[in-house]
Amino acid sequence: MDAFTAGLLQRIRATESDLTRARESGDDFLVEVEQSELDDLHRLAAEHGVEVGATRV
């Protein structure tokens, strides 16, 4: 696995974790921000052929 792929997957995991915390805290604005970031990361992964798996929140 190259550095780009590893970094992207790490960012996706971190953003998923942040999204979960935002949902648990009831912060609707932060949920939207984190979901948007996660969507962008998944789009970037797809554009570069990075297999993310079933980790979408």
Protein backbone atom coordinates (compact mmCIF):
# COMPACT_ATOMS: atom_id res chain seq x y z
CA MET A 1 0.00 0.00 0.00
CA ASP A 2 1.42 3.36 -0.97
CA ALA A 3 1.52 6.46 1.23
CA PHE A 4 -1.38 8.13 -0.58
CA THR A 5 -3.69 5.15 -0.05
CA ALA A 6 -2.65 4.68 3.56
CA GLY A 7 -3.13 8.38 4.31
CA LEU A 8 -6.50 8.49 2.61
CA LEU A 9 -7.78 5.45 4.48
CA GLN A 10 -6.52 6.91 7.76
CA ARG A 11 -8.33 10.19 7.05
CA ILE A 12 -11.52 8.27 6.26
CA ARG A 13 -11.31 6.34 9.56
CA ALA A 14 -10.64 9.55 11.52
CA THR A 15 -13.53 11.36 9.83
CA GLU A 16 -15.88 8.44 10.50
CA SER A 17 -14.89 8.60 14.16
CA ASP A 18 -15.44 12.37 14.25
CA LEU A 19 -18.82 11.93 12.58
CA THR A 20 -19.87 9.36 15.17
CA ARG A 21 -18.87 11.71 18.00
CA ALA A 22 -20.75 14.60 16.40
CA ARG A 23 -23.88 12.47 16.09
CA GLU A 24 -23.57 11.28 19.69
CA SER A 25 -23.19 14.84 20.94
CA GLY A 26 -26.22 16.02 18.95
CA ASP A 27 -24.23 18.68 17.06
CA ASP A 28 -26.19 18.85 13.81
CA PHE A 29 -23.88 21.40 12.20
CA LEU A 30 -20.78 19.34 12.93
CA VAL A 31 -22.57 16.23 11.62
CA GLU A 32 -23.11 18.03 8.31
CA VAL A 33 -19.49 19.17 8.18
CA GLU A 34 -18.09 15.72 8.93
CA GLN A 35 -20.50 13.97 6.54
CA SER A 36 -19.49 16.36 3.78
CA GLU A 37 -15.81 15.67 4.49
CA LEU A 38 -16.46 11.93 4.47
CA ASP A 39 -18.34 12.16 1.17
CA ASP A 40 -15.41 14.08 -0.35
CA LEU A 41 -12.92 11.49 0.90
CA HIS A 42 -14.98 8.64 -0.53
CA ARG A 43 -15.21 10.47 -3.86
CA LEU A 44 -11.43 10.97 -3.86
CA ALA A 45 -10.90 7.30 -3.06
CA ALA A 46 -13.19 6.24 -5.91
CA GLU A 47 -11.43 8.57 -8.36
CA HIS A 48 -8.09 6.96 -7.50
CA GLY A 49 -9.29 3.36 -7.36
CA VAL A 50 -8.82 3.04 -3.60
CA GLU A 51 -11.01 0.29 -2.15
CA VAL A 52 -12.58 1.63 1.02
CA GLY A 53 -14.88 -1.26 1.85
CA ALA A 54 -18.09 -1.11 3.81
CA THR A 55 -16.93 1.57 6.22
CA ARG A 56 -19.37 4.26 5.17
CA VAL A 57 -21.31 5.77 8.02
